[in-house]
């Protein structure tokens, strides 16, 4: 698994956001007007790129999490008051 920097992850997240917006706009337009073959090709290219970026960001997130730590580990480490009897 290739490691990516936080800066690169931010760039990919921005690209993902832009592509997702473009996909939403294309779907909205397709509701009223049929997509041309060129628009359909671009839609498919964006869909593939969105899938690719999502996988990369998923790996980045996984590499950022310490192994053997559950998402509840911080919660479980909260000191509790004990009552004295």
PDB file of N, CA and C in Angstrom:
ATOM      1  N   UNK A   1       0.852  -1.174   0.000  1.00  0.00           N
ATOM      2  CA  UNK A   1       0.000   0.000   0.000  1.00  0.00           C
ATOM      3  C   UNK A   1       0.901   1.242   0.000  1.00  0.00           C
ATOM      4  N   UNK A   2       0.672   2.130  -0.981  1.00  0.00           N
ATOM      5  CA  UNK A   2       1.430   3.371  -1.048  1.00  0.00           C
ATOM      6  C   UNK A   2       0.908   4.334  -0.004  1.00  0.00           C
ATOM      7  N   UNK A   3       1.842   4.995   0.681  1.00  0.00           N
ATOM      8  CA  UNK A   3       1.447   5.980   1.676  1.00  0.00           C
ATOM      9  C   UNK A   3       1.368   7.335   0.989  1.00  0.00           C
ATOM     10  N   UNK A   4       0.369   8.122   1.346  1.00  0.00           N
ATOM     11  CA  UNK A   4       0.249   9.460   0.792  1.00  0.00           C
ATOM     12  C   UNK A   4       0.289  10.467   1.927  1.00  0.00           C
ATOM     13  N   UNK A   5       0.676  11.683   1.580  1.00  0.00           N
ATOM     14  CA  UNK A   5       0.777  12.733   2.592  1.00  0.00           C
ATOM     15  C   UNK A   5      -0.597  13.320   2.869  1.00  0.00           C
ATOM     16  N   UNK A   6      -0.692  14.002   3.995  1.00  0.00           N
ATOM     17  CA  UNK A   6      -1.938  14.676   4.351  1.00  0.00           C
ATOM     18  C   UNK A   6      -2.276  15.737   3.312  1.00  0.00           C
ATOM     19  N   UNK A   7      -1.251  16.407   2.785  1.00  0.00           N
ATOM     20  CA  UNK A   7      -1.478  17.430   1.763  1.00  0.00           C
ATOM     21  C   UNK A   7      -2.087  16.803   0.509  1.00  0.00           C
ATOM     22  N   UNK A   8      -1.551  15.663   0.095  1.00  0.00           N
ATOM     23  CA  UNK A   8      -2.082  14.976  -1.092  1.00  0.00           C
ATOM     24  C   UNK A   8      -3.515  14.491  -0.826  1.00  0.00           C
ATOM     25  N   UNK A   9      -3.782  14.035   0.393  1.00  0.00           N
ATOM     26  CA  UNK A   9      -5.132  13.596   0.748  1.00  0.00           C
ATOM     27  C   UNK A   9      -6.106  14.766   0.644  1.00  0.00           C
ATOM     28  N   UNK A  10      -5.683  15.956   1.061  1.00  0.00           N
ATOM     29  CA  UNK A  10      -6.545  17.142   0.952  1.00  0.00           C
ATOM     30  C   UNK A  10      -6.814  17.486  -0.513  1.00  0.00           C
ATOM     31  N   UNK A  11      -5.768  17.378  -1.364  1.00  0.00           N
ATOM     32  CA  UNK A  11      -5.947  17.637  -2.790  1.00  0.00           C
ATOM     33  C   UNK A  11      -6.951  16.661  -3.390  1.00  0.00           C
ATOM     34  N   UNK A  12      -6.824  15.389  -3.027  1.00  0.00           N
ATOM     35  CA  UNK A  12      -7.736  14.375  -3.542  1.00  0.00           C
ATOM     36  C   UNK A  12      -9.158  14.600  -3.032  1.00  0.00           C
ATOM     37  N   UNK A  13      -9.293  15.010  -1.779  1.00  0.00           N
ATOM     38  CA  UNK A  13     -10.615  15.294  -1.222  1.00  0.00           C
ATOM     39  C   UNK A  13     -11.269  16.454  -1.976  1.00  0.00           C
ATOM     40  N   UNK A  14     -10.485  17.467  -2.320  1.00  0.00           N
ATOM     41  CA  UNK A  14     -11.016  18.597  -3.089  1.00  0.00           C
ATOM     42  C   UNK A  14     -11.446  18.148  -4.480  1.00  0.00           C
ATOM     43  N   UNK A  15     -10.615  17.314  -5.114  1.00  0.00           N
ATOM     44  CA  UNK A  15     -10.971  16.792  -6.431  1.00  0.00           C
ATOM     45  C   UNK A  15     -12.242  15.950  -6.350  1.00  0.00           C
ATOM     46  N   UNK A  16     -12.340  15.137  -5.318  1.00  0.00           N
ATOM     47  CA  UNK A  16     -13.522  14.296  -5.128  1.00  0.00           C
ATOM     48  C   UNK A  16     -14.776  15.151  -4.973  1.00  0.00           C
ATOM     49  N   UNK A  17     -14.667  16.231  -4.217  1.00  0.00           N
ATOM     50  CA  UNK A  17     -15.793  17.137  -4.026  1.00  0.00           C
ATOM     51  C   UNK A  17     -16.231  17.757  -5.350  1.00  0.00           C
ATOM     52  N   UNK A  18     -15.275  18.221  -6.144  1.00  0.00           N
ATOM     53  CA  UNK A  18     -15.589  18.826  -7.435  1.00  0.00           C
ATOM     54  C   UNK A  18     -16.238  17.807  -8.368  1.00  0.00           C
ATOM     55  N   UNK A  19     -15.665  16.606  -8.438  1.00  0.00           N
ATOM     56  CA  UNK A  19     -16.218  15.574  -9.309  1.00  0.00           C
ATOM     57  C   UNK A  19     -17.633  15.185  -8.879  1.00  0.00           C
ATOM     58  N   UNK A  20     -17.849  15.087  -7.583  1.00  0.00           N
ATOM     59  CA  UNK A  20     -19.173  14.743  -7.072  1.00  0.00           C
ATOM     60  C   UNK A  20     -20.196  15.815  -7.430  1.00  0.00           C
ATOM     61  N   UNK A  21     -19.792  17.075  -7.341  1.00  0.00           N
ATOM     62  CA  UNK A  21     -20.677  18.178  -7.723  1.00  0.00           C
ATOM     63  C   UNK A  21     -21.016  18.098  -9.207  1.00  0.00           C
ATOM     64  N   UNK A  22     -20.004  17.824 -10.034  1.00  0.00           N
ATOM     65  CA  UNK A  22     -20.232  17.698 -11.469  1.00  0.00           C
ATOM     66  C   UNK A  22     -21.176  16.529 -11.776  1.00  0.00           C
ATOM     67  N   UNK A  23     -21.016  15.425 -11.040  1.00  0.00           N
ATOM     68  CA  UNK A  23     -21.900  14.279 -11.235  1.00  0.00           C
ATOM     69  C   UNK A  23     -23.338  14.638 -10.874  1.00  0.00           C
ATOM     70  N   UNK A  24     -23.504  15.337  -9.774  1.00  0.00           N
ATOM     71  CA  UNK A  24     -24.849  15.749  -9.357  1.00  0.00           C
ATOM     72  C   UNK A  24     -25.502  16.642 -10.405  1.00  0.00           C
ATOM     73  N   UNK A  25     -24.728  17.578 -10.931  1.00  0.00           N
ATOM     74  CA  UNK A  25     -25.254  18.473 -11.957  1.00  0.00           C
ATOM     75  C   UNK A  25     -25.624  17.700 -13.220  1.00  0.00           C
ATOM     76  N   UNK A  26     -24.793  16.729 -13.599  1.00  0.00           N
ATOM     77  CA  UNK A  26     -25.073  15.932 -14.793  1.00  0.00           C
ATOM     78  C   UNK A  26     -26.345  15.104 -14.607  1.00  0.00           C
ATOM     79  N   UNK A  27     -26.517  14.535 -13.416  1.00  0.00           N
ATOM     80  CA  UNK A  27     -27.727  13.763 -13.154  1.00  0.00           C
ATOM     81  C   UNK A  27     -28.968  14.643 -13.190  1.00  0.00           C
ATOM     82  N   UNK A  28     -28.849  15.831 -12.633  1.00  0.00           N
ATOM     83  CA  UNK A  28     -29.973  16.758 -12.652  1.00  0.00           C
ATOM     84  C   UNK A  28     -30.323  17.130 -14.084  1.00  0.00           C
ATOM     85  N   UNK A  29     -29.306  17.418 -14.885  1.00  0.00           N
ATOM     86  CA  UNK A  29     -29.531  17.777 -16.282  1.00  0.00           C
ATOM     87  C   UNK A  29     -30.131  16.590 -17.047  1.00  0.00           C
ATOM     88  N   UNK A  30     -29.642  15.380 -16.753  1.00  0.00           N
ATOM     89  CA  UNK A  30     -30.131  14.192 -17.451  1.00  0.00           C
ATOM     90  C   UNK A  30     -31.591  13.916 -17.133  1.00  0.00           C
ATOM     91  N   UNK A  31     -32.060  14.419 -16.020  1.00  0.00           N
ATOM     92  CA  UNK A  31     -33.464  14.249 -15.658  1.00  0.00           C
ATOM     93  C   UNK A  31     -34.366  14.964 -16.659  1.00  0.00           C
ATOM     94  N   UNK A  32     -33.889  16.084 -17.170  1.00  0.00           N
ATOM     95  CA  UNK A  32     -34.695  16.905 -18.073  1.00  0.00           C
ATOM     96  C   UNK A  32     -34.268  16.786 -19.541  1.00  0.00           C
ATOM     97  N   UNK A  33     -32.976  16.576 -19.761  1.00  0.00           N
ATOM     98  CA  UNK A  33     -32.426  16.519 -21.116  1.00  0.00           C
ATOM     99  C   UNK A  33     -31.529  15.293 -21.199  1.00  0.00           C
ATOM    100  N   UNK A  34     -31.646  14.546 -22.261  1.00  0.00           N
ATOM    101  CA  UNK A  34     -30.804  13.367 -22.419  1.00  0.00           C
ATOM    102  C   UNK A  34     -29.344  13.783 -22.611  1.00  0.00           C
ATOM    103  N   UNK A  35     -28.431  13.055 -21.930  1.00  0.00           N
ATOM    104  CA  UNK A  35     -27.002  13.344 -22.075  1.00  0.00           C
ATOM    105  C   UNK A  35     -26.537  12.975 -23.479  1.00  0.00           C
ATOM    106  N   UNK A  36     -25.666  13.821 -24.024  1.00  0.00           N
ATOM    107  CA  UNK A  36     -25.061  13.496 -25.312  1.00  0.00           C
ATOM    108  C   UNK A  36     -24.042  12.374 -25.089  1.00  0.00           C
ATOM    109  N   UNK A  37     -23.621  11.698 -26.149  1.00  0.00           N
ATOM    110  CA  UNK A  37     -22.604  10.654 -25.988  1.00  0.00           C
ATOM    111  C   UNK A  37     -21.329  11.183 -25.310  1.00  0.00           C
ATOM    112  N   UNK A  38     -20.944  12.398 -25.632  1.00  0.00           N
ATOM    113  CA  UNK A  38     -19.746  12.998 -25.012  1.00  0.00           C
ATOM    114  C   UNK A  38     -19.971  13.248 -23.520  1.00  0.00           C
ATOM    115  N   UNK A  39     -21.144  13.764 -23.182  1.00  0.00           N
ATOM    116  CA  UNK A  39     -21.464  13.998 -21.771  1.00  0.00           C
ATOM    117  C   UNK A  39     -21.544  12.682 -21.001  1.00  0.00           C
ATOM    118  N   UNK A  40     -22.086  11.659 -21.620  1.00  0.00           N
ATOM    119  CA  UNK A  40     -22.162  10.342 -20.986  1.00  0.00           C
ATOM    120  C   UNK A  40     -20.760   9.770 -20.760  1.00  0.00           C
ATOM    121  N   UNK A  41     -19.864   9.979 -21.736  1.00  0.00           N
ATOM    122  CA  UNK A  41     -18.470   9.518 -21.590  1.00  0.00           C
ATOM    123  C   UNK A  41     -17.787  10.231 -20.427  1.00  0.00           C
ATOM    124  N   UNK A  42     -17.976  11.537 -20.334  1.00  0.00           N
ATOM    125  CA  UNK A  42     -17.385  12.305 -19.238  1.00  0.00           C
ATOM    126  C   UNK A  42     -17.963  11.858 -17.892  1.00  0.00           C
ATOM    127  N   UNK A  43     -19.261  11.586 -17.882  1.00  0.00           N
ATOM    128  CA  UNK A  43     -19.910  11.105 -16.659  1.00  0.00           C
ATOM    129  C   UNK A  43     -19.253   9.802 -16.198  1.00  0.00           C
ATOM    130  N   UNK A  44     -19.055   8.879 -17.126  1.00  0.00           N
ATOM    131  CA  UNK A  44     -18.432   7.604 -16.785  1.00  0.00           C
ATOM    132  C   UNK A  44     -16.988   7.781 -16.322  1.00  0.00           C
ATOM    133  N   UNK A  45     -16.259   8.693 -16.958  1.00  0.00           N
ATOM    134  CA  UNK A  45     -14.878   8.954 -16.531  1.00  0.00           C
ATOM    135  C   UNK A  45     -14.856   9.505 -15.108  1.00  0.00           C
ATOM    136  N   UNK A  46     -15.765  10.437 -14.802  1.00  0.00           N
ATOM    137  CA  UNK A  46     -15.819  10.979 -13.440  1.00  0.00           C
ATOM    138  C   UNK A  46     -16.177   9.893 -12.440  1.00  0.00           C
ATOM    139  N   UNK A  47     -17.128   9.029 -12.808  1.00  0.00           N
ATOM    140  CA  UNK A  47     -17.535   7.937 -11.912  1.00  0.00           C
ATOM    141  C   UNK A  47     -16.338   7.043 -11.573  1.00  0.00           C
ATOM    142  N   UNK A  48     -15.537   6.716 -12.585  1.00  0.00           N
ATOM    143  CA  UNK A  48     -14.352   5.884 -12.348  1.00  0.00           C
ATOM    144  C   UNK A  48     -13.334   6.606 -11.461  1.00  0.00           C
ATOM    145  N   UNK A  49     -13.141   7.902 -11.722  1.00  0.00           N
ATOM    146  CA  UNK A  49     -12.186   8.677 -10.928  1.00  0.00           C
ATOM    147  C   UNK A  49     -12.674   8.816  -9.492  1.00  0.00           C
ATOM    148  N   UNK A  50     -13.956   9.008  -9.290  1.00  0.00           N
ATOM    149  CA  UNK A  50     -14.519   9.103  -7.941  1.00  0.00           C
ATOM    150  C   UNK A  50     -14.253   7.804  -7.181  1.00  0.00           C
ATOM    151  N   UNK A  51     -14.451   6.676  -7.837  1.00  0.00           N
ATOM    152  CA  UNK A  51     -14.189   5.379  -7.217  1.00  0.00           C
ATOM    153  C   UNK A  51     -12.713   5.247  -6.844  1.00  0.00           C
ATOM    154  N   UNK A  52     -11.834   5.662  -7.749  1.00  0.00           N
ATOM    155  CA  UNK A  52     -10.392   5.592  -7.517  1.00  0.00           C
ATOM    156  C   UNK A  52      -9.976   6.472  -6.332  1.00  0.00           C
ATOM    157  N   UNK A  53     -10.446   7.712  -6.320  1.00  0.00           N
ATOM    158  CA  UNK A  53     -10.092   8.632  -5.238  1.00  0.00           C
ATOM    159  C   UNK A  53     -10.642   8.136  -3.909  1.00  0.00           C
ATOM    160  N   UNK A  54     -11.854   7.632  -3.911  1.00  0.00           N
ATOM    161  CA  UNK A  54     -12.441   7.112  -2.675  1.00  0.00           C
ATOM    162  C   UNK A  54     -11.600   5.980  -2.098  1.00  0.00           C
ATOM    163  N   UNK A  55     -11.096   5.112  -2.959  1.00  0.00           N
ATOM    164  CA  UNK A  55     -10.243   4.013  -2.499  1.00  0.00           C
ATOM    165  C   UNK A  55      -8.934   4.541  -1.927  1.00  0.00           C
ATOM    166  N   UNK A  56      -8.336   5.524  -2.593  1.00  0.00           N
ATOM    167  CA  UNK A  56      -7.077   6.109  -2.109  1.00  0.00           C
ATOM    168  C   UNK A  56      -7.289   6.760  -0.748  1.00  0.00           C
ATOM    169  N   UNK A  57      -8.354   7.543  -0.615  1.00  0.00           N
ATOM    170  CA  UNK A  57      -8.628   8.216   0.653  1.00  0.00           C
ATOM    171  C   UNK A  57      -8.974   7.209   1.751  1.00  0.00           C
ATOM    172  N   UNK A  58      -9.617   6.116   1.384  1.00  0.00           N
ATOM    173  CA  UNK A  58      -9.892   5.060   2.359  1.00  0.00           C
ATOM    174  C   UNK A  58      -8.612   4.448   2.895  1.00  0.00           C
ATOM    175  N   UNK A  59      -7.650   4.232   1.997  1.00  0.00           N
ATOM    176  CA  UNK A  59      -6.346   3.701   2.440  1.00  0.00           C
ATOM    177  C   UNK A  59      -5.616   4.726   3.303  1.00  0.00           C
ATOM    178  N   UNK A  60      -5.723   6.012   2.939  1.00  0.00           N
ATOM    179  CA  UNK A  60      -5.084   7.058   3.746  1.00  0.00           C
ATOM    180  C   UNK A  60      -5.671   7.075   5.144  1.00  0.00           C
ATOM    181  N   UNK A  61      -6.984   6.983   5.230  1.00  0.00           N
ATOM    182  CA  UNK A  61      -7.638   6.973   6.534  1.00  0.00           C
ATOM    183  C   UNK A  61      -7.195   5.765   7.345  1.00  0.00           C
ATOM    184  N   UNK A  62      -7.100   4.622   6.686  1.00  0.00           N
ATOM    185  CA  UNK A  62      -6.693   3.393   7.378  1.00  0.00           C
ATOM    186  C   UNK A  62      -5.263   3.494   7.883  1.00  0.00           C
ATOM    187  N   UNK A  63      -4.377   4.118   7.108  1.00  0.00           N
ATOM    188  CA  UNK A  63      -2.987   4.233   7.531  1.00  0.00           C
ATOM    189  C   UNK A  63      -2.820   5.265   8.635  1.00  0.00           C
ATOM    190  N   UNK A  64      -3.803   6.160   8.773  1.00  0.00           N
ATOM    191  CA  UNK A  64      -3.743   7.202   9.795  1.00  0.00           C
ATOM    192  C   UNK A  64      -4.212   6.702  11.158  1.00  0.00           C
ATOM    193  N   UNK A  65      -4.904   5.569  11.169  1.00  0.00           N
ATOM    194  CA  UNK A  65      -5.423   5.012  12.419  1.00  0.00           C
ATOM    195  C   UNK A  65      -4.387   4.062  12.992  1.00  0.00           C
ATOM    196  N   UNK A  66      -4.107   4.209  14.283  1.00  0.00           N
ATOM    197  CA  UNK A  66      -3.144   3.325  14.926  1.00  0.00           C
ATOM    198  C   UNK A  66      -3.686   1.903  14.955  1.00  0.00           C
ATOM    199  N   UNK A  67      -2.826   0.924  14.681  1.00  0.00           N
ATOM    200  CA  UNK A  67      -3.291  -0.455  14.774  1.00  0.00           C
ATOM    201  C   UNK A  67      -3.631  -0.824  16.219  1.00  0.00           C
ATOM    202  N   UNK A  68      -4.535  -1.763  16.373  1.00  0.00           N
ATOM    203  CA  UNK A  68      -4.958  -2.282  17.673  1.00  0.00           C
ATOM    204  C   UNK A  68      -5.672  -1.242  18.530  1.00  0.00           C
ATOM    205  N   UNK A  69      -6.195  -0.203  17.934  1.00  0.00           N
ATOM    206  CA  UNK A  69      -6.960   0.798  18.681  1.00  0.00           C
ATOM    207  C   UNK A  69      -8.369   0.817  18.120  1.00  0.00           C
ATOM    208  N   UNK A  70      -9.331   0.624  18.945  1.00  0.00           N
ATOM    209  CA  UNK A  70     -10.713   0.693  18.472  1.00  0.00           C
ATOM    210  C   UNK A  70     -11.169   2.135  18.499  1.00  0.00           C
ATOM    211  N   UNK A  71     -12.248   2.414  17.815  1.00  0.00           N
ATOM    212  CA  UNK A  71     -12.766   3.779  17.800  1.00  0.00           C
ATOM    213  C   UNK A  71     -13.287   4.191  19.171  1.00  0.00           C
ATOM    214  N   UNK A  72     -13.513   3.231  20.049  1.00  0.00           N
ATOM    215  CA  UNK A  72     -13.998   3.543  21.389  1.00  0.00           C
ATOM    216  C   UNK A  72     -12.866   3.630  22.411  1.00  0.00           C
ATOM    217  N   UNK A  73     -11.616   3.448  21.975  1.00  0.00           N
ATOM    218  CA  UNK A  73     -10.530   3.392  22.951  1.00  0.00           C
ATOM    219  C   UNK A  73     -10.419   4.667  23.773  1.00  0.00           C
ATOM    220  N   UNK A  74     -10.581   5.834  23.139  1.00  0.00           N
ATOM    221  CA  UNK A  74     -10.521   7.079  23.894  1.00  0.00           C
ATOM    222  C   UNK A  74     -11.664   7.194  24.874  1.00  0.00           C
ATOM    223  N   UNK A  75     -12.819   6.744  24.466  1.00  0.00           N
ATOM    224  CA  UNK A  75     -13.993   6.775  25.329  1.00  0.00           C
ATOM    225  C   UNK A  75     -13.801   5.875  26.540  1.00  0.00           C
ATOM    226  N   UNK A  76     -13.226   4.713  26.308  1.00  0.00           N
ATOM    227  CA  UNK A  76     -13.076   3.749  27.384  1.00  0.00           C
ATOM    228  C   UNK A  76     -11.998   4.160  28.393  1.00  0.00           C
ATOM    229  N   UNK A  77     -11.117   5.079  27.987  1.00  0.00           N
ATOM    230  CA  UNK A  77     -10.042   5.508  28.869  1.00  0.00           C
ATOM    231  C   UNK A  77     -10.434   6.703  29.745  1.00  0.00           C
ATOM    232  N   UNK A  78     -11.666   7.114  29.711  1.00  0.00           N
ATOM    233  CA  UNK A  78     -12.111   8.265  30.511  1.00  0.00           C
ATOM    234  C   UNK A  78     -12.088   7.862  31.991  1.00  0.00           C
ATOM    235  N   UNK A  79     -11.395   8.660  32.813  1.00  0.00           N
ATOM    236  CA  UNK A  79     -11.378   8.318  34.233  1.00  0.00           C
ATOM    237  C   UNK A  79     -12.772   8.458  34.832  1.00  0.00           C
ATOM    238  N   UNK A  80     -13.118   7.570  35.667  1.00  0.00           N
ATOM    239  CA  UNK A  80     -14.434   7.582  36.292  1.00  0.00           C
ATOM    240  C   UNK A  80     -14.284   7.891  37.787  1.00  0.00           C
ATOM    241  N   UNK A  81     -15.255   8.608  38.290  1.00  0.00           N
ATOM    242  CA  UNK A  81     -15.264   8.879  39.717  1.00  0.00           C
ATOM    243  C   UNK A  81     -15.699   7.608  40.436  1.00  0.00           C
ATOM    244  N   UNK A  82     -15.036   7.331  41.492  1.00  0.00           N
ATOM    245  CA  UNK A  82     -15.438   6.167  42.286  1.00  0.00           C
ATOM    246  C   UNK A  82     -16.018   6.658  43.598  1.00  0.00           C
ATOM    247  N   UNK A  83     -17.021   5.988  44.021  1.00  0.00           N
ATOM    248  CA  UNK A  83     -17.626   6.395  45.300  1.00  0.00           C
ATOM    249  C   UNK A  83     -16.886   5.688  46.439  1.00  0.00           C
ATOM    250  N   UNK A  84     -16.745   6.392  47.511  1.00  0.00           N
ATOM    251  CA  UNK A  84     -16.094   5.815  48.680  1.00  0.00           C
ATOM    252  C   UNK A  84     -17.147   5.341  49.651  1.00  0.00           C
ATOM    253  N   UNK A  85     -17.012   4.146  50.081  1.00  0.00           N
ATOM    254  CA  UNK A  85     -18.012   3.593  51.012  1.00  0.00           C
ATOM    255  C   UNK A  85     -17.417   3.503  52.376  1.00  0.00           C
TER     256      UNK A  85
END
